[in-house]
Amino acid sequence: MDDVRAVQDRFDRAELAGDRETLHELIADDFLSIGPRGFLLDKDQWIDRHGHFRYQQLETAEVDVRHYGDTAVVRDVQRNRATYGDQQVAVDTRVSQVWVRQDAGWRLVAIQFSPLAP
């Protein structure tokens, strides 16, 4: 299995479980997320959202991994079911994630979500 694909799978499992320790390890300090409505989250905000955001389901499909030296871009489709506080959330998005190989291994530096058309 491709090592980027393996670390991506580990990241997805940590997201699903709300595993803050693993997320802290895998996410680069200068990470930035662009959400499906254009909002921005840095590393601490991303990890801290698990205090009020809980996944019930996180499915990925159409996974495409491209390598560019010590950088890799992972694109996939995610279908998520979660709760945010007491609100049910259902989001179907196309996701682009940028991973960079650093001394300690692969780190996620960027993620962007684009809603799928109904």
Protein backbone atom coordinates (compact mmCIF):
# COMPACT_ATOMS: atom_id res chain seq x y z
CA MET A 1 0.00 0.00 0.00
CA ASP A 2 1.23 3.49 -0.80
CA ASP A 3 2.64 5.14 2.34
CA VAL A 4 0.64 8.34 1.73
CA ARG A 5 -2.52 6.28 1.35
CA ALA A 6 -1.72 4.51 4.63
CA VAL A 7 -1.19 7.79 6.51
CA GLN A 8 -4.37 9.17 4.91
CA ASP A 9 -6.30 6.15 6.18
CA ARG A 10 -4.79 6.68 9.64
CA PHE A 11 -5.88 10.32 9.54
CA ASP A 12 -9.44 9.35 8.51
CA ARG A 13 -9.64 6.82 11.37
CA ALA A 14 -8.41 9.47 13.82
CA GLU A 15 -11.03 11.90 12.53
CA LEU A 16 -13.80 9.34 12.91
CA ALA A 17 -12.70 8.50 16.47
CA GLY A 18 -11.92 12.10 17.48
CA ASP A 19 -8.39 10.92 18.30
CA ARG A 20 -6.77 14.27 19.09
CA GLU A 21 -3.35 12.78 19.88
CA THR A 22 -3.03 11.17 16.44
CA LEU A 23 -4.40 14.27 14.72
CA HIS A 24 -1.83 16.43 16.53
CA GLU A 25 0.91 14.08 15.29
CA LEU A 26 -0.26 13.96 11.64
CA ILE A 27 -1.18 17.63 11.11
CA ALA A 28 1.61 20.13 10.36
CA ASP A 29 1.91 23.16 12.63
CA ASP A 30 1.18 25.54 9.72
CA PHE A 31 -1.86 23.51 8.54
CA LEU A 32 -4.86 25.34 7.11
CA SER A 33 -8.29 23.98 6.27
CA ILE A 34 -10.82 25.57 3.93
CA GLY A 35 -14.29 24.34 4.80
CA PRO A 36 -17.19 23.63 2.43
CA ARG A 37 -18.57 27.14 3.02
CA GLY A 38 -15.20 28.92 2.81
CA PHE A 39 -14.37 29.18 6.52
CA LEU A 40 -10.76 28.67 7.65
CA LEU A 41 -9.40 26.54 10.49
CA ASP A 42 -5.80 26.29 11.67
CA LYS A 43 -4.33 23.19 13.34
CA ASP A 44 -5.55 23.95 16.86
CA GLN A 45 -9.04 24.93 15.66
CA TRP A 46 -9.27 21.77 13.54
CA ILE A 47 -8.35 19.50 16.44
CA ASP A 48 -10.41 21.44 19.00
CA ARG A 49 -13.58 21.14 16.90
CA HIS A 50 -13.79 17.54 18.12
CA GLY A 51 -15.00 18.96 21.44
CA HIS A 52 -18.43 19.61 19.87
CA PHE A 53 -18.22 17.76 16.52
CA ARG A 54 -18.65 13.97 16.41
CA TYR A 55 -18.66 11.72 13.37
CA GLN A 56 -21.06 8.81 13.15
CA GLN A 57 -19.90 7.96 9.62
CA LEU A 58 -16.96 8.96 7.45
CA GLU A 59 -16.84 7.19 4.09
CA THR A 60 -14.34 7.86 1.33
CA ALA A 61 -14.47 6.88 -2.31
CA GLU A 62 -12.76 7.77 -5.59
CA VAL A 63 -9.39 8.11 -3.84
CA ASP A 64 -6.65 9.49 -6.10
CA VAL A 65 -3.06 9.93 -4.83
CA ARG A 66 -0.50 11.94 -6.80
CA HIS A 67 3.16 12.21 -5.78
CA TYR A 68 5.37 15.22 -6.45
CA GLY A 69 8.68 14.46 -4.72
CA ASP A 70 8.18 15.07 -0.99
CA THR A 71 4.64 16.34 -1.59
CA ALA A 72 1.51 14.33 -2.29
CA VAL A 73 -2.01 15.41 -3.16
CA VAL A 74 -4.88 13.14 -2.14
CA ARG A 75 -8.29 13.74 -3.67
CA ASP A 76 -11.41 11.83 -2.74
CA VAL A 77 -15.14 12.02 -2.19
CA GLN A 78 -16.30 12.01 1.43
CA ARG A 79 -19.77 11.28 2.70
CA ASN A 80 -19.99 12.31 6.33
CA ARG A 81 -22.70 12.02 8.93
CA ALA A 82 -22.03 13.76 12.21
CA THR A 83 -23.39 15.88 15.01
CA TYR A 84 -22.30 19.41 15.74
CA GLY A 85 -23.55 20.15 19.24
CA ASP A 86 -27.08 18.80 19.05
CA GLN A 87 -27.47 19.38 15.28
CA GLN A 88 -27.33 16.53 12.77
CA VAL A 89 -24.94 17.21 9.90
CA ALA A 90 -24.79 15.38 6.57
CA VAL A 91 -22.11 16.54 4.13
CA ASP A 92 -21.09 15.10 0.77
CA THR A 93 -17.90 16.75 -0.48
CA ARG A 94 -14.96 16.39 -2.80
CA VAL A 95 -11.82 16.82 -0.71
CA SER A 96 -8.25 17.79 -1.66
CA GLN A 97 -5.52 17.17 0.89
CA VAL A 98 -1.87 18.13 0.62
CA TRP A 99 0.70 16.02 2.47
CA VAL A 100 4.40 16.93 2.81
CA ARG A 101 7.12 14.48 3.84
CA GLN A 102 9.09 16.04 6.70
CA ASP A 103 11.77 14.62 9.00
CA ALA A 104 9.13 12.99 11.22
CA GLY A 105 7.15 11.56 8.27
CA TRP A 106 4.14 12.68 6.26
CA ARG A 107 2.24 15.71 7.64
CA LEU A 108 -1.03 17.18 6.43
CA VAL A 109 -0.49 20.83 5.49
CA ALA A 110 -3.77 21.68 3.76
CA ILE A 111 -7.27 20.38 3.23
CA GLN A 112 -10.09 21.89 1.18
CA PHE A 113 -13.71 20.78 0.92
CA SER A 114 -15.97 21.43 -2.07
CA PRO A 115 -19.65 20.46 -1.78
CA LEU A 116 -20.93 17.93 -4.30
CA ALA A 117 -23.84 19.05 -6.44
CA PRO A 118 -27.10 17.35 -5.41
